Amino acid sequence: MILVNLRIIHLIYDDKKINLVLSGGGAGGAIHVGVYQYLKEHNYEIQEIAGTSVGSLIGCLIAAEVHPQELIKVMRDSQIKDFLNPFLKHSYSTLDLKDSQELFDIGYGEAQKILG
C-alpha cells in the first residue's frame, strides 16, 4: 500500500484499488475532480472516500458516480454559489471559478505523474 500526497488530496493505493482523502478549500474541488477523472479513465476501483468541506461534497458526488465533467459544470454554475452562500459564514466565491478547467487539469496531471 502506498500513500501519495497531492497537496490537497491523499491517494492510498494498492494495484488498481484506491482510497481517497479529499481536503477542504473551494478551489481544491476542481483538482479533486481532475484526479477522479484520471482514476475513472484508468479503471481504478475507489474503495473508500473521506473528505472535509468541499472534499466531503466532492466525495459524496464521486460515491454517487456523478461524471467528472458534470461535476465541473456544477462548479461553474453560479446557482450553486447562490444556494450555498446563505449557509456559509463567509462568501464562497471560489465556487464561481472561471478557471476550474485549469484546476481540473492540474489534478488530472498530478494523478497521471504519480500513478501513470
PDB file of N, CA and C in Angstrom:
ATOM      1  N   MET A   1       0.845  -1.175   0.000  1.00  0.00           N
ATOM      2  CA  MET A   1       0.000   0.000   0.000  1.00  0.00           C
ATOM      3  C   MET A   1       0.886   1.232   0.000  1.00  0.00           C
ATOM      4  N   ILE A   2       0.528   2.230  -0.798  1.00  0.00           N
ATOM      5  CA  ILE A   2       1.327   3.434  -0.954  1.00  0.00           C
ATOM      6  C   ILE A   2       0.442   4.642  -0.657  1.00  0.00           C
ATOM      7  N   LEU A   3       0.978   5.615   0.082  1.00  0.00           N
ATOM      8  CA  LEU A   3       0.279   6.866   0.356  1.00  0.00           C
ATOM      9  C   LEU A   3       0.932   7.961  -0.469  1.00  0.00           C
ATOM     10  N   VAL A   4       0.147   8.666  -1.245  1.00  0.00           N
ATOM     11  CA  VAL A   4       0.640   9.758  -2.078  1.00  0.00           C
ATOM     12  C   VAL A   4      -0.066  11.040  -1.663  1.00  0.00           C
ATOM     13  N   ASN A   5       0.694  12.108  -1.442  1.00  0.00           N
ATOM     14  CA  ASN A   5       0.118  13.401  -1.087  1.00  0.00           C
ATOM     15  C   ASN A   5       0.193  14.318  -2.294  1.00  0.00           C
ATOM     16  N   LEU A   6      -0.951  14.674  -2.862  1.00  0.00           N
ATOM     17  CA  LEU A   6      -1.010  15.619  -3.980  1.00  0.00           C
ATOM     18  C   LEU A   6      -1.416  16.988  -3.441  1.00  0.00           C
ATOM     19  N   ARG A   7      -0.780  17.443  -2.400  1.00  0.00           N
ATOM     20  CA  ARG A   7      -1.037  18.707  -1.721  1.00  0.00           C
ATOM     21  C   ARG A   7      -2.378  18.714  -1.001  1.00  0.00           C
ATOM     22  N   ILE A   8      -3.463  18.550  -1.729  1.00  0.00           N
ATOM     23  CA  ILE A   8      -4.778  18.638  -1.092  1.00  0.00           C
ATOM     24  C   ILE A   8      -5.555  17.333  -1.164  1.00  0.00           C
ATOM     25  N   ILE A   9      -4.925  16.321  -1.701  1.00  0.00           N
ATOM     26  CA  ILE A   9      -5.592  15.020  -1.818  1.00  0.00           C
ATOM     27  C   ILE A   9      -4.572  13.932  -1.511  1.00  0.00           C
ATOM     28  N   HIS A  10      -4.976  12.953  -0.761  1.00  0.00           N
ATOM     29  CA  HIS A  10      -4.124  11.808  -0.476  1.00  0.00           C
ATOM     30  C   HIS A  10      -4.696  10.604  -1.205  1.00  0.00           C
ATOM     31  N   LEU A  11      -3.816   9.872  -1.848  1.00  0.00           N
ATOM     32  CA  LEU A  11      -4.213   8.637  -2.512  1.00  0.00           C
ATOM     33  C   LEU A  11      -3.532   7.477  -1.798  1.00  0.00           C
ATOM     34  N   ILE A  12      -4.296   6.547  -1.341  1.00  0.00           N
ATOM     35  CA  ILE A  12      -3.750   5.342  -0.744  1.00  0.00           C
ATOM     36  C   ILE A  12      -4.125   4.222  -1.692  1.00  0.00           C
ATOM     37  N   TYR A  13      -3.112   3.612  -2.313  1.00  0.00           N
ATOM     38  CA  TYR A  13      -3.453   2.645  -3.342  1.00  0.00           C
ATOM     39  C   TYR A  13      -2.601   1.392  -3.289  1.00  0.00           C
ATOM     40  N   ASP A  14      -3.186   0.350  -3.788  1.00  0.00           N
ATOM     41  CA  ASP A  14      -2.549  -0.951  -3.907  1.00  0.00           C
ATOM     42  C   ASP A  14      -3.062  -1.535  -5.215  1.00  0.00           C
ATOM     43  N   ASP A  15      -2.190  -1.594  -6.214  1.00  0.00           N
ATOM     44  CA  ASP A  15      -2.571  -2.018  -7.560  1.00  0.00           C
ATOM     45  C   ASP A  15      -3.621  -1.061  -8.096  1.00  0.00           C
ATOM     46  N   LYS A  16      -4.800  -1.519  -8.474  1.00  0.00           N
ATOM     47  CA  LYS A  16      -5.833  -0.646  -9.044  1.00  0.00           C
ATOM     48  C   LYS A  16      -6.949  -0.338  -8.043  1.00  0.00           C
ATOM     49  N   LYS A  17      -6.722  -0.609  -6.764  1.00  0.00           N
ATOM     50  CA  LYS A  17      -7.683  -0.284  -5.715  1.00  0.00           C
ATOM     51  C   LYS A  17      -7.163   0.934  -4.970  1.00  0.00           C
ATOM     52  N   ILE A  18      -8.053   1.887  -4.709  1.00  0.00           N
ATOM     53  CA  ILE A  18      -7.593   3.162  -4.170  1.00  0.00           C
ATOM     54  C   ILE A  18      -8.559   3.719  -3.138  1.00  0.00           C
ATOM     55  N   ASN A  19      -8.002   4.407  -2.134  1.00  0.00           N
ATOM     56  CA  ASN A  19      -8.778   5.150  -1.146  1.00  0.00           C
ATOM     57  C   ASN A  19      -8.439   6.620  -1.327  1.00  0.00           C
ATOM     58  N   LEU A  20      -9.435   7.486  -1.281  1.00  0.00           N
ATOM     59  CA  LEU A  20      -9.228   8.916  -1.451  1.00  0.00           C
ATOM     60  C   LEU A  20      -9.444   9.643  -0.135  1.00  0.00           C
ATOM     61  N   VAL A  21      -8.578  10.603   0.163  1.00  0.00           N
ATOM     62  CA  VAL A  21      -8.755  11.517   1.281  1.00  0.00           C
ATOM     63  C   VAL A  21      -8.723  12.912   0.679  1.00  0.00           C
ATOM     64  N   LEU A  22      -9.866  13.588   0.670  1.00  0.00           N
ATOM     65  CA  LEU A  22     -10.025  14.861  -0.022  1.00  0.00           C
ATOM     66  C   LEU A  22     -10.074  16.008   0.981  1.00  0.00           C
ATOM     67  N   SER A  23      -9.235  17.014   0.770  1.00  0.00           N
ATOM     68  CA  SER A  23      -9.158  18.136   1.699  1.00  0.00           C
ATOM     69  C   SER A  23     -10.204  19.198   1.377  1.00  0.00           C
ATOM     70  N   GLY A  24     -10.246  20.207   2.217  1.00  0.00           N
ATOM     71  CA  GLY A  24     -11.151  21.338   2.020  1.00  0.00           C
ATOM     72  C   GLY A  24     -10.498  22.419   1.178  1.00  0.00           C
ATOM     73  N   GLY A  25     -11.251  23.460   0.934  1.00  0.00           N
ATOM     74  CA  GLY A  25     -10.790  24.589   0.116  1.00  0.00           C
ATOM     75  C   GLY A  25     -11.504  24.565  -1.214  1.00  0.00           C
ATOM     76  N   GLY A  26     -12.346  25.559  -1.477  1.00  0.00           N
ATOM     77  CA  GLY A  26     -13.212  25.567  -2.650  1.00  0.00           C
ATOM     78  C   GLY A  26     -12.521  25.266  -3.959  1.00  0.00           C
ATOM     79  N   ALA A  27     -11.386  25.925  -4.207  1.00  0.00           N
ATOM     80  CA  ALA A  27     -10.681  25.717  -5.475  1.00  0.00           C
ATOM     81  C   ALA A  27     -10.162  24.290  -5.588  1.00  0.00           C
ATOM     82  N   GLY A  28      -9.871  23.678  -4.446  1.00  0.00           N
ATOM     83  CA  GLY A  28      -9.392  22.301  -4.456  1.00  0.00           C
ATOM     84  C   GLY A  28     -10.396  21.325  -5.019  1.00  0.00           C
ATOM     85  N   GLY A  29     -11.672  21.673  -4.973  1.00  0.00           N
ATOM     86  CA  GLY A  29     -12.699  20.781  -5.503  1.00  0.00           C
ATOM     87  C   GLY A  29     -12.473  20.431  -6.959  1.00  0.00           C
ATOM     88  N   ALA A  30     -12.058  21.406  -7.750  1.00  0.00           N
ATOM     89  CA  ALA A  30     -11.801  21.139  -9.172  1.00  0.00           C
ATOM     90  C   ALA A  30     -10.593  20.226  -9.336  1.00  0.00           C
ATOM     91  N   ILE A  31      -9.605  20.370  -8.465  1.00  0.00           N
ATOM     92  CA  ILE A  31      -8.438  19.474  -8.510  1.00  0.00           C
ATOM     93  C   ILE A  31      -8.874  18.057  -8.160  1.00  0.00           C
ATOM     94  N   HIS A  32      -9.726  17.924  -7.157  1.00  0.00           N
ATOM     95  CA  HIS A  32     -10.255  16.602  -6.797  1.00  0.00           C
ATOM     96  C   HIS A  32     -10.934  15.953  -7.998  1.00  0.00           C
ATOM     97  N   VAL A  33     -11.705  16.741  -8.724  1.00  0.00           N
ATOM     98  CA  VAL A  33     -12.441  16.216  -9.874  1.00  0.00           C
ATOM     99  C   VAL A  33     -11.471  15.766 -10.972  1.00  0.00           C
ATOM    100  N   GLY A  34     -10.376  16.506 -11.152  1.00  0.00           N
ATOM    101  CA  GLY A  34      -9.370  16.096 -12.139  1.00  0.00           C
ATOM    102  C   GLY A  34      -8.746  14.757 -11.792  1.00  0.00           C
ATOM    103  N   VAL A  35      -8.447  14.563 -10.515  1.00  0.00           N
ATOM    104  CA  VAL A  35      -7.904  13.278 -10.066  1.00  0.00           C
ATOM    105  C   VAL A  35      -8.942  12.176 -10.294  1.00  0.00           C
ATOM    106  N   TYR A  36     -10.188  12.459  -9.970  1.00  0.00           N
ATOM    107  CA  TYR A  36     -11.276  11.496 -10.161  1.00  0.00           C
ATOM    108  C   TYR A  36     -11.394  11.096 -11.633  1.00  0.00           C
ATOM    109  N   GLN A  37     -11.295  12.070 -12.535  1.00  0.00           N
ATOM    110  CA  GLN A  37     -11.359  11.769 -13.968  1.00  0.00           C
ATOM    111  C   GLN A  37     -10.245  10.801 -14.368  1.00  0.00           C
ATOM    112  N   TYR A  38      -9.031  11.065 -13.887  1.00  0.00           N
ATOM    113  CA  TYR A  38      -7.905  10.177 -14.218  1.00  0.00           C
ATOM    114  C   TYR A  38      -8.173   8.762 -13.707  1.00  0.00           C
ATOM    115  N   LEU A  39      -8.630   8.659 -12.466  1.00  0.00           N
ATOM    116  CA  LEU A  39      -8.894   7.345 -11.869  1.00  0.00           C
ATOM    117  C   LEU A  39      -9.962   6.590 -12.662  1.00  0.00           C
ATOM    118  N   LYS A  40     -11.010   7.296 -13.087  1.00  0.00           N
ATOM    119  CA  LYS A  40     -12.072   6.678 -13.874  1.00  0.00           C
ATOM    120  C   LYS A  40     -11.544   6.172 -15.217  1.00  0.00           C
ATOM    121  N   GLU A  41     -10.779   7.018 -15.893  1.00  0.00           N
ATOM    122  CA  GLU A  41     -10.257   6.658 -17.212  1.00  0.00           C
ATOM    123  C   GLU A  41      -9.302   5.471 -17.169  1.00  0.00           C
ATOM    124  N   HIS A  42      -8.637   5.299 -16.023  1.00  0.00           N
ATOM    125  CA  HIS A  42      -7.635   4.240 -15.907  1.00  0.00           C
ATOM    126  C   HIS A  42      -8.096   3.072 -15.043  1.00  0.00           C
ATOM    127  N   ASN A  43      -9.408   2.975 -14.875  1.00  0.00           N
ATOM    128  CA  ASN A  43     -10.055   1.816 -14.235  1.00  0.00           C
ATOM    129  C   ASN A  43      -9.585   1.526 -12.813  1.00  0.00           C
ATOM    130  N   TYR A  44      -9.355   2.576 -12.031  1.00  0.00           N
ATOM    131  CA  TYR A  44      -9.079   2.382 -10.610  1.00  0.00           C
ATOM    132  C   TYR A  44     -10.395   2.140  -9.889  1.00  0.00           C
ATOM    133  N   GLU A  45     -10.364   1.253  -8.930  1.00  0.00           N
ATOM    134  CA  GLU A  45     -11.539   0.969  -8.114  1.00  0.00           C
ATOM    135  C   GLU A  45     -11.432   1.790  -6.833  1.00  0.00           C
ATOM    136  N   ILE A  46     -12.320   2.761  -6.675  1.00  0.00           N
ATOM    137  CA  ILE A  46     -12.317   3.588  -5.468  1.00  0.00           C
ATOM    138  C   ILE A  46     -13.041   2.810  -4.380  1.00  0.00           C
ATOM    139  N   GLN A  47     -12.292   2.464  -3.336  1.00  0.00           N
ATOM    140  CA  GLN A  47     -12.866   1.645  -2.264  1.00  0.00           C
ATOM    141  C   GLN A  47     -13.439   2.485  -1.137  1.00  0.00           C
ATOM    142  N   GLU A  48     -12.731   3.550  -0.762  1.00  0.00           N
ATOM    143  CA  GLU A  48     -13.176   4.394   0.344  1.00  0.00           C
ATOM    144  C   GLU A  48     -12.884   5.845   0.006  1.00  0.00           C
ATOM    145  N   ILE A  49     -13.737   6.737   0.518  1.00  0.00           N
ATOM    146  CA  ILE A  49     -13.558   8.171   0.310  1.00  0.00           C
ATOM    147  C   ILE A  49     -13.778   8.870   1.642  1.00  0.00           C
ATOM    148  N   ALA A  50     -12.860   9.762   1.988  1.00  0.00           N
ATOM    149  CA  ALA A  50     -13.012  10.617   3.163  1.00  0.00           C
ATOM    150  C   ALA A  50     -12.745  12.040   2.715  1.00  0.00           C
ATOM    151  N   GLY A  51     -13.411  12.998   3.317  1.00  0.00           N
ATOM    152  CA  GLY A  51     -13.184  14.378   2.917  1.00  0.00           C
ATOM    153  C   GLY A  51     -13.683  15.356   3.952  1.00  0.00           C
ATOM    154  N   THR A  52     -13.214  16.585   3.826  1.00  0.00           N
ATOM    155  CA  THR A  52     -13.678  17.672   4.670  1.00  0.00           C
ATOM    156  C   THR A  52     -14.046  18.852   3.796  1.00  0.00           C
ATOM    157  N   SER A  53     -15.061  19.580   4.195  1.00  0.00           N
ATOM    158  CA  SER A  53     -15.519  20.761   3.478  1.00  0.00           C
ATOM    159  C   SER A  53     -15.824  20.408   2.024  1.00  0.00           C
ATOM    160  N   VAL A  54     -15.219  21.108   1.068  1.00  0.00           N
ATOM    161  CA  VAL A  54     -15.513  20.805  -0.341  1.00  0.00           C
ATOM    162  C   VAL A  54     -15.104  19.369  -0.678  1.00  0.00           C
ATOM    163  N   GLY A  55     -14.107  18.839   0.017  1.00  0.00           N
ATOM    164  CA  GLY A  55     -13.701  17.446  -0.202  1.00  0.00           C
ATOM    165  C   GLY A  55     -14.814  16.464   0.134  1.00  0.00           C
ATOM    166  N   SER A  56     -15.591  16.781   1.167  1.00  0.00           N
ATOM    167  CA  SER A  56     -16.713  15.895   1.505  1.00  0.00           C
ATOM    168  C   SER A  56     -17.832  16.015   0.476  1.00  0.00           C
ATOM    169  N   LEU A  57     -18.070  17.229  -0.029  1.00  0.00           N
ATOM    170  CA  LEU A  57     -19.084  17.397  -1.076  1.00  0.00           C
ATOM    171  C   LEU A  57     -18.696  16.633  -2.340  1.00  0.00           C
ATOM    172  N   ILE A  58     -17.447  16.808  -2.787  1.00  0.00           N
ATOM    173  CA  ILE A  58     -16.971  16.110  -3.982  1.00  0.00           C
ATOM    174  C   ILE A  58     -16.957  14.607  -3.727  1.00  0.00           C
ATOM    175  N   GLY A  59     -16.543  14.208  -2.531  1.00  0.00           N
ATOM    176  CA  GLY A  59     -16.520  12.788  -2.181  1.00  0.00           C
ATOM    177  C   GLY A  59     -17.897  12.144  -2.284  1.00  0.00           C
ATOM    178  N   CYS A  60     -18.930  12.844  -1.828  1.00  0.00           N
ATOM    179  CA  CYS A  60     -20.296  12.322  -1.944  1.00  0.00           C
ATOM    180  C   CYS A  60     -20.699  12.159  -3.403  1.00  0.00           C
ATOM    181  N   LEU A  61     -20.326  13.125  -4.218  1.00  0.00           N
ATOM    182  CA  LEU A  61     -20.679  13.056  -5.633  1.00  0.00           C
ATOM    183  C   LEU A  61     -19.900  11.959  -6.355  1.00  0.00           C
ATOM    184  N   ILE A  62     -18.649  11.759  -5.950  1.00  0.00           N
ATOM    185  CA  ILE A  62     -17.865  10.647  -6.505  1.00  0.00           C
ATOM    186  C   ILE A  62     -18.518   9.323  -6.116  1.00  0.00           C
ATOM    187  N   ALA A  63     -18.911   9.205  -4.844  1.00  0.00           N
ATOM    188  CA  ALA A  63     -19.558   7.971  -4.376  1.00  0.00           C
ATOM    189  C   ALA A  63     -20.860   7.710  -5.130  1.00  0.00           C
ATOM    190  N   ALA A  64     -21.537   8.788  -5.532  1.00  0.00           N
ATOM    191  CA  ALA A  64     -22.776   8.644  -6.302  1.00  0.00           C
ATOM    192  C   ALA A  64     -22.493   8.432  -7.789  1.00  0.00           C
ATOM    193  N   GLU A  65     -21.215   8.373  -8.148  1.00  0.00           N
ATOM    194  CA  GLU A  65     -20.758   8.128  -9.516  1.00  0.00           C
ATOM    195  C   GLU A  65     -21.232   9.187 -10.521  1.00  0.00           C
ATOM    196  N   VAL A  66     -21.261  10.437 -10.053  1.00  0.00           N
ATOM    197  CA  VAL A  66     -21.544  11.544 -10.956  1.00  0.00           C
ATOM    198  C   VAL A  66     -20.321  11.719 -11.861  1.00  0.00           C
ATOM    199  N   HIS A  67     -20.540  11.894 -13.159  1.00  0.00           N
ATOM    200  CA  HIS A  67     -19.442  12.000 -14.120  1.00  0.00           C
ATOM    201  C   HIS A  67     -18.599  13.253 -13.828  1.00  0.00           C
ATOM    202  N   PRO A  68     -17.269  13.150 -13.939  1.00  0.00           N
ATOM    203  CA  PRO A  68     -16.394  14.291 -13.643  1.00  0.00           C
ATOM    204  C   PRO A  68     -16.731  15.563 -14.432  1.00  0.00           C
ATOM    205  N   GLN A  69     -17.081  15.453 -15.696  1.00  0.00           N
ATOM    206  CA  GLN A  69     -17.411  16.655 -16.473  1.00  0.00           C
ATOM    207  C   GLN A  69     -18.689  17.317 -15.958  1.00  0.00           C
ATOM    208  N   GLU A  70     -19.609  16.522 -15.436  1.00  0.00           N
ATOM    209  CA  GLU A  70     -20.816  17.086 -14.829  1.00  0.00           C
ATOM    210  C   GLU A  70     -20.456  17.837 -13.541  1.00  0.00           C
ATOM    211  N   LEU A  71     -19.492  17.316 -12.802  1.00  0.00           N
ATOM    212  CA  LEU A  71     -19.050  17.999 -11.582  1.00  0.00           C
ATOM    213  C   LEU A  71     -18.425  19.351 -11.906  1.00  0.00           C
ATOM    214  N   ILE A  72     -17.617  19.421 -12.950  1.00  0.00           N
ATOM    215  CA  ILE A  72     -17.020  20.686 -13.358  1.00  0.00           C
ATOM    216  C   ILE A  72     -18.121  21.673 -13.758  1.00  0.00           C
ATOM    217  N   LYS A  73     -19.112  21.187 -14.482  1.00  0.00           N
ATOM    218  CA  LYS A  73     -20.227  22.041 -14.898  1.00  0.00           C
ATOM    219  C   LYS A  73     -20.950  22.617 -13.676  1.00  0.00           C
ATOM    220  N   VAL A  74     -21.190  21.776 -12.676  1.00  0.00           N
ATOM    221  CA  VAL A  74     -21.856  22.223 -11.453  1.00  0.00           C
ATOM    222  C   VAL A  74     -21.006  23.266 -10.726  1.00  0.00           C
ATOM    223  N   MET A  75     -19.690  23.057 -10.701  1.00  0.00           N
ATOM    224  CA  MET A  75     -18.813  24.011 -10.009  1.00  0.00           C
ATOM    225  C   MET A  75     -18.819  25.372 -10.698  1.00  0.00           C
ATOM    226  N   ARG A  76     -18.998  25.391 -12.002  1.00  0.00           N
ATOM    227  CA  ARG A  76     -19.038  26.651 -12.752  1.00  0.00           C
ATOM    228  C   ARG A  76     -20.392  27.345 -12.645  1.00  0.00           C
ATOM    229  N   ASP A  77     -21.419  26.605 -12.299  1.00  0.00           N
ATOM    230  CA  ASP A  77     -22.778  27.118 -12.277  1.00  0.00           C
ATOM    231  C   ASP A  77     -22.950  28.079 -11.098  1.00  0.00           C
ATOM    232  N   SER A  78     -23.292  29.301 -11.386  1.00  0.00           N
ATOM    233  CA  SER A  78     -23.432  30.300 -10.320  1.00  0.00           C
ATOM    234  C   SER A  78     -24.568  29.961  -9.365  1.00  0.00           C
ATOM    235  N   GLN A  79     -25.523  29.133  -9.794  1.00  0.00           N
ATOM    236  CA  GLN A  79     -26.634  28.786  -8.924  1.00  0.00           C
ATOM    237  C   GLN A  79     -26.175  28.040  -7.678  1.00  0.00           C
ATOM    238  N   ILE A  80     -25.120  27.228  -7.792  1.00  0.00           N
ATOM    239  CA  ILE A  80     -24.659  26.506  -6.606  1.00  0.00           C
ATOM    240  C   ILE A  80     -24.084  27.481  -5.586  1.00  0.00           C
ATOM    241  N   LYS A  81     -23.393  28.508  -6.058  1.00  0.00           N
ATOM    242  CA  LYS A  81     -22.872  29.533  -5.148  1.00  0.00           C
ATOM    243  C   LYS A  81     -24.031  30.242  -4.457  1.00  0.00           C
ATOM    244  N   ASP A  82     -25.052  30.596  -5.219  1.00  0.00           N
ATOM    245  CA  ASP A  82     -26.209  31.272  -4.651  1.00  0.00           C
ATOM    246  C   ASP A  82     -26.926  30.394  -3.630  1.00  0.00           C
ATOM    247  N   PHE A  83     -26.962  29.093  -3.891  1.00  0.00           N
ATOM    248  CA  PHE A  83     -27.599  28.157  -2.963  1.00  0.00           C
ATOM    249  C   PHE A  83     -26.811  28.037  -1.661  1.00  0.00           C
ATOM    250  N   LEU A  84     -25.481  27.940  -1.763  1.00  0.00           N
ATOM    251  CA  LEU A  84     -24.654  27.679  -0.580  1.00  0.00           C
ATOM    252  C   LEU A  84     -24.394  28.913   0.273  1.00  0.00           C
ATOM    253  N   ASN A  85     -24.314  30.098  -0.308  1.00  0.00           N
ATOM    254  CA  ASN A  85     -23.926  31.294   0.440  1.00  0.00           C
ATOM    255  C   ASN A  85     -24.743  31.549   1.712  1.00  0.00           C
ATOM    256  N   PRO A  86     -26.067  31.362   1.719  1.00  0.00           N
ATOM    257  CA  PRO A  86     -26.808  31.617   2.963  1.00  0.00           C
ATOM    258  C   PRO A  86     -26.395  30.707   4.122  1.00  0.00           C
ATOM    259  N   PHE A  87     -25.799  29.552   3.822  1.00  0.00           N
ATOM    260  CA  PHE A  87     -25.436  28.588   4.854  1.00  0.00           C
ATOM    261  C   PHE A  87     -24.003  28.746   5.342  1.00  0.00           C
ATOM    262  N   LEU A  88     -23.240  29.606   4.693  1.00  0.00           N
ATOM    263  CA  LEU A  88     -21.825  29.743   4.999  1.00  0.00           C
ATOM    264  C   LEU A  88     -21.558  31.029   5.759  1.00  0.00           C
ATOM    265  N   LYS A  89     -20.537  31.007   6.628  1.00  0.00           N
ATOM    266  CA  LYS A  89     -20.179  32.175   7.417  1.00  0.00           C
ATOM    267  C   LYS A  89     -19.487  33.241   6.577  1.00  0.00           C
ATOM    268  N   HIS A  90     -18.884  32.840   5.479  1.00  0.00           N
ATOM    269  CA  HIS A  90     -18.180  33.778   4.614  1.00  0.00           C
ATOM    270  C   HIS A  90     -18.555  33.488   3.163  1.00  0.00           C
ATOM    271  N   SER A  91     -18.245  34.409   2.295  1.00  0.00           N
ATOM    272  CA  SER A  91     -18.561  34.229   0.882  1.00  0.00           C
ATOM    273  C   SER A  91     -17.775  33.063   0.310  1.00  0.00           C
ATOM    274  N   TYR A  92     -18.405  32.262  -0.470  1.00  0.00           N
ATOM    275  CA  TYR A  92     -17.775  31.082  -1.062  1.00  0.00           C
ATOM    276  C   TYR A  92     -17.514  31.343  -2.535  1.00  0.00           C
ATOM    277  N   SER A  93     -16.815  32.453  -2.811  1.00  0.00           N
ATOM    278  CA  SER A  93     -16.606  32.874  -4.194  1.00  0.00           C
ATOM    279  C   SER A  93     -15.760  31.896  -4.986  1.00  0.00           C
ATOM    280  N   THR A  94     -15.027  31.013  -4.313  1.00  0.00           N
ATOM    281  CA  THR A  94     -14.183  30.070  -5.044  1.00  0.00           C
ATOM    282  C   THR A  94     -15.002  29.072  -5.850  1.00  0.00           C
ATOM    283  N   LEU A  95     -16.283  28.916  -5.542  1.00  0.00           N
ATOM    284  CA  LEU A  95     -17.115  28.030  -6.356  1.00  0.00           C
ATOM    285  C   LEU A  95     -17.454  28.661  -7.699  1.00  0.00           C
ATOM    286  N   ASP A  96     -17.293  29.971  -7.781  1.00  0.00           N
ATOM    287  CA  ASP A  96     -17.585  30.680  -9.024  1.00  0.00           C
ATOM    288  C   ASP A  96     -16.300  30.823  -9.839  1.00  0.00           C
ATOM    289  N   LEU A  97     -15.620  29.710 -10.068  1.00  0.00           N
ATOM    290  CA  LEU A  97     -14.310  29.730 -10.716  1.00  0.00           C
ATOM    291  C   LEU A  97     -14.425  29.818 -12.219  1.00  0.00           C
ATOM    292  N   LYS A  98     -13.714  30.755 -12.799  1.00  0.00           N
ATOM    293  CA  LYS A  98     -13.628  30.810 -14.253  1.00  0.00           C
ATOM    294  C   LYS A  98     -12.568  29.839 -14.745  1.00  0.00           C
ATOM    295  N   ASP A  99     -11.610  29.545 -13.871  1.00  0.00           N
ATOM    296  CA  ASP A  99     -10.505  28.681 -14.282  1.00  0.00           C
ATOM    297  C   ASP A  99     -10.623  27.283 -13.685  1.00  0.00           C
ATOM    298  N   SER A 100     -11.841  26.801 -13.446  1.00  0.00           N
ATOM    299  CA  SER A 100     -11.998  25.469 -12.868  1.00  0.00           C
ATOM    300  C   SER A 100     -11.432  24.390 -13.789  1.00  0.00           C
ATOM    301  N   GLN A 101     -11.486  24.607 -15.108  1.00  0.00           N
ATOM    302  CA  GLN A 101     -10.905  23.628 -16.034  1.00  0.00           C
ATOM    303  C   GLN A 101      -9.397  23.549 -15.850  1.00  0.00           C
ATOM    304  N   GLU A 102      -8.753  24.685 -15.601  1.00  0.00           N
ATOM    305  CA  GLU A 102      -7.304  24.692 -15.366  1.00  0.00           C
ATOM    306  C   GLU A 102      -6.966  23.909 -14.104  1.00  0.00           C
ATOM    307  N   LEU A 103      -7.742  24.089 -13.051  1.00  0.00           N
ATOM    308  CA  LEU A 103      -7.514  23.352 -11.809  1.00  0.00           C
ATOM    309  C   LEU A 103      -7.798  21.864 -12.002  1.00  0.00           C
ATOM    310  N   PHE A 104      -8.851  21.560 -12.751  1.00  0.00           N
ATOM    311  CA  PHE A 104      -9.163  20.175 -13.103  1.00  0.00           C
ATOM    312  C   PHE A 104      -7.953  19.532 -13.782  1.00  0.00           C
ATOM    313  N   ASP A 105      -7.364  20.262 -14.741  1.00  0.00           N
ATOM    314  CA  ASP A 105      -6.205  19.752 -15.483  1.00  0.00           C
ATOM    315  C   ASP A 105      -5.005  19.524 -14.564  1.00  0.00           C
ATOM    316  N   ILE A 106      -4.840  20.376 -13.559  1.00  0.00           N
ATOM    317  CA  ILE A 106      -3.750  20.195 -12.592  1.00  0.00           C
ATOM    318  C   ILE A 106      -3.939  18.881 -11.846  1.00  0.00           C
ATOM    319  N   GLY A 107      -5.149  18.629 -11.357  1.00  0.00           N
ATOM    320  CA  GLY A 107      -5.428  17.387 -10.638  1.00  0.00           C
ATOM    321  C   GLY A 107      -5.207  16.175 -11.500  1.00  0.00           C
ATOM    322  N   TYR A 108      -5.684  16.247 -12.732  1.00  0.00           N
ATOM    323  CA  TYR A 108      -5.523  15.136 -13.660  1.00  0.00           C
ATOM    324  C   TYR A 108      -4.036  14.886 -13.915  1.00  0.00           C
ATOM    325  N   GLY A 109      -3.287  15.953 -14.162  1.00  0.00           N
ATOM    326  CA  GLY A 109      -1.852  15.826 -14.437  1.00  0.00           C
ATOM    327  C   GLY A 109      -1.066  15.269 -13.268  1.00  0.00           C
ATOM    328  N   GLU A 110      -1.402  15.699 -12.067  1.00  0.00           N
ATOM    329  CA  GLU A 110      -0.712  15.195 -10.870  1.00  0.00           C
ATOM    330  C   GLU A 110      -0.985  13.706 -10.676  1.00  0.00           C
ATOM    331  N   ALA A 111      -2.225  13.294 -10.874  1.00  0.00           N
ATOM    332  CA  ALA A 111      -2.542  11.865 -10.759  1.00  0.00           C
ATOM    333  C   ALA A 111      -1.799  11.064 -11.825  1.00  0.00           C
ATOM    334  N   GLN A 112      -1.708  11.614 -13.009  1.00  0.00           N
ATOM    335  CA  GLN A 112      -1.012  10.931 -14.099  1.00  0.00           C
ATOM    336  C   GLN A 112       0.469  10.773 -13.783  1.00  0.00           C
ATOM    337  N   LYS A 113       1.098  11.808 -13.215  1.00  0.00           N
ATOM    338  CA  LYS A 113       2.526  11.731 -12.848  1.00  0.00           C
ATOM    339  C   LYS A 113       2.764  10.638 -11.811  1.00  0.00           C
ATOM    340  N   ILE A 114       1.874  10.577 -10.827  1.00  0.00           N
ATOM    341  CA  ILE A 114       2.063   9.637  -9.706  1.00  0.00           C
ATOM    342  C   ILE A 114       1.686   8.212 -10.101  1.00  0.00           C
ATOM    343  N   LEU A 115       0.551   8.054 -10.745  1.00  0.00           N
ATOM    344  CA  LEU A 115       0.002   6.729 -10.998  1.00  0.00           C
ATOM    345  C   LEU A 115       0.303   6.186 -12.386  1.00  0.00           C
ATOM    346  N   GLY A 116       0.590   7.095 -13.333  1.00  0.00           N
ATOM    347  CA  GLY A 116       0.759   6.689 -14.722  1.00  0.00           C
ATOM    348  C   GLY A 116       2.089   6.158 -15.018  1.00  0.00           C
TER     349      GLY A 116
END
